[in-house]
Amino acid sequence: MKLITPFTILTQNFHTMDLIRDGMKNRRLATERLHDDYRKIYKNHKFA
């Protein structure tokens, strides 16, 4: 049986916060990459 103390609850909360923060960071990087791709496309695209 696992002992549950306020400290273990806190570390568990910090761990989930780290996972959420990491996921948000990865998502932001993906959107920045998408914006960069669009910039390259429009910069190389010749409008009629």
N, C-alpha and C. Protein backbone atom coordinates (compact mmCIF):
# COMPACT_ATOMS: atom_id res chain seq x y z
N MET A 1 0.84 -1.19 0.00
CA MET A 1 0.00 0.00 0.00
C MET A 1 0.87 1.24 0.00
N LYS A 2 0.49 2.21 -0.80
CA LYS A 2 1.29 3.42 -0.93
C LYS A 2 0.86 4.44 0.12
N LEU A 3 1.84 5.04 0.74
CA LEU A 3 1.56 6.05 1.76
C LEU A 3 1.29 7.39 1.09
N ILE A 4 0.15 7.98 1.39
CA ILE A 4 -0.20 9.26 0.78
C ILE A 4 -0.04 10.36 1.82
N THR A 5 0.88 11.24 1.57
CA THR A 5 1.11 12.40 2.44
C THR A 5 0.89 13.65 1.61
N PRO A 6 0.74 14.79 2.24
CA PRO A 6 0.61 16.03 1.45
C PRO A 6 1.78 16.23 0.50
N PHE A 7 2.96 15.77 0.90
CA PHE A 7 4.13 15.93 0.04
C PHE A 7 3.98 15.11 -1.24
N THR A 8 3.49 13.86 -1.13
CA THR A 8 3.33 13.04 -2.34
C THR A 8 2.26 13.64 -3.24
N ILE A 9 1.21 14.21 -2.64
CA ILE A 9 0.18 14.85 -3.45
C ILE A 9 0.77 16.06 -4.18
N LEU A 10 1.59 16.84 -3.48
CA LEU A 10 2.22 18.01 -4.11
C LEU A 10 3.14 17.60 -5.25
N THR A 11 3.96 16.58 -5.03
CA THR A 11 4.88 16.16 -6.11
C THR A 11 4.10 15.64 -7.30
N GLN A 12 2.98 14.96 -7.04
CA GLN A 12 2.15 14.48 -8.14
C GLN A 12 1.57 15.66 -8.92
N ASN A 13 1.11 16.69 -8.21
CA ASN A 13 0.57 17.87 -8.88
C ASN A 13 1.65 18.58 -9.70
N PHE A 14 2.85 18.69 -9.14
CA PHE A 14 3.94 19.33 -9.88
C PHE A 14 4.28 18.54 -11.13
N HIS A 15 4.23 17.21 -11.02
CA HIS A 15 4.54 16.37 -12.17
C HIS A 15 3.52 16.59 -13.28
N THR A 16 2.23 16.65 -12.92
CA THR A 16 1.21 16.88 -13.94
C THR A 16 1.35 18.27 -14.53
N MET A 17 1.71 19.26 -13.70
CA MET A 17 1.92 20.61 -14.23
C MET A 17 3.08 20.63 -15.21
N ASP A 18 4.14 19.89 -14.90
CA ASP A 18 5.28 19.81 -15.83
C ASP A 18 4.86 19.18 -17.15
N LEU A 19 4.04 18.12 -17.07
CA LEU A 19 3.59 17.47 -18.30
C LEU A 19 2.74 18.43 -19.14
N ILE A 20 1.85 19.18 -18.47
CA ILE A 20 1.00 20.12 -19.19
C ILE A 20 1.86 21.22 -19.81
N ARG A 21 2.82 21.74 -19.05
CA ARG A 21 3.68 22.81 -19.56
C ARG A 21 4.49 22.31 -20.75
N ASP A 22 4.99 21.08 -20.66
CA ASP A 22 5.77 20.51 -21.76
C ASP A 22 4.89 20.35 -23.00
N GLY A 23 3.67 19.88 -22.81
CA GLY A 23 2.76 19.73 -23.94
C GLY A 23 2.44 21.06 -24.59
N MET A 24 2.24 22.09 -23.78
CA MET A 24 1.95 23.42 -24.33
C MET A 24 3.15 23.95 -25.11
N LYS A 25 4.33 23.71 -24.58
CA LYS A 25 5.54 24.18 -25.27
C LYS A 25 5.68 23.49 -26.62
N ASN A 26 5.45 22.17 -26.65
CA ASN A 26 5.55 21.44 -27.91
C ASN A 26 4.50 21.91 -28.90
N ARG A 27 3.30 22.20 -28.42
CA ARG A 27 2.25 22.66 -29.32
C ARG A 27 2.61 24.03 -29.89
N ARG A 28 3.16 24.91 -29.07
CA ARG A 28 3.55 26.23 -29.55
C ARG A 28 4.65 26.11 -30.60
N LEU A 29 5.59 25.22 -30.37
CA LEU A 29 6.65 25.02 -31.36
C LEU A 29 6.08 24.51 -32.67
N ALA A 30 5.08 23.64 -32.60
CA ALA A 30 4.47 23.12 -33.83
C ALA A 30 3.77 24.24 -34.59
N THR A 31 3.08 25.13 -33.88
CA THR A 31 2.40 26.22 -34.58
C THR A 31 3.40 27.20 -35.16
N GLU A 32 4.50 27.44 -34.44
CA GLU A 32 5.54 28.33 -35.00
C GLU A 32 6.13 27.73 -36.27
N ARG A 33 6.32 26.42 -36.27
CA ARG A 33 6.85 25.74 -37.45
C ARG A 33 5.87 25.88 -38.61
N LEU A 34 4.57 25.75 -38.32
CA LEU A 34 3.56 25.90 -39.34
C LEU A 34 3.58 27.31 -39.92
N HIS A 35 3.69 28.32 -39.04
CA HIS A 35 3.75 29.70 -39.52
C HIS A 35 4.98 29.93 -40.38
N ASP A 36 6.10 29.35 -39.99
CA ASP A 36 7.31 29.49 -40.80
C ASP A 36 7.12 28.86 -42.17
N ASP A 37 6.47 27.70 -42.22
CA ASP A 37 6.22 27.06 -43.51
C ASP A 37 5.35 27.94 -44.39
N TYR A 38 4.30 28.53 -43.79
CA TYR A 38 3.44 29.41 -44.58
C TYR A 38 4.20 30.63 -45.08
N ARG A 39 5.09 31.18 -44.25
CA ARG A 39 5.89 32.33 -44.68
C ARG A 39 6.75 31.96 -45.88
N LYS A 40 7.37 30.79 -45.83
CA LYS A 40 8.21 30.35 -46.95
C LYS A 40 7.38 30.19 -48.21
N ILE A 41 6.19 29.60 -48.07
CA ILE A 41 5.34 29.37 -49.24
C ILE A 41 4.95 30.71 -49.86
N TYR A 42 4.50 31.65 -49.03
CA TYR A 42 4.04 32.92 -49.57
C TYR A 42 5.19 33.78 -50.08
N LYS A 43 6.37 33.64 -49.48
CA LYS A 43 7.51 34.41 -49.97
C LYS A 43 7.95 33.91 -51.34
N ASN A 44 7.88 32.61 -51.57
CA ASN A 44 8.30 32.03 -52.85
C ASN A 44 7.19 32.05 -53.88
N HIS A 45 5.97 32.33 -53.45
CA HIS A 45 4.82 32.30 -54.37
C HIS A 45 4.73 33.62 -55.15
N LYS A 46 4.60 33.52 -56.44
CA LYS A 46 4.46 34.71 -57.28
C LYS A 46 2.98 34.94 -57.56
N PHE A 47 2.48 36.07 -57.10
CA PHE A 47 1.07 36.38 -57.32
C PHE A 47 0.88 36.99 -58.70
N ALA A 48 -0.21 36.61 -59.37
CA ALA A 48 -0.46 37.08 -60.74
C ALA A 48 -0.93 38.52 -60.74
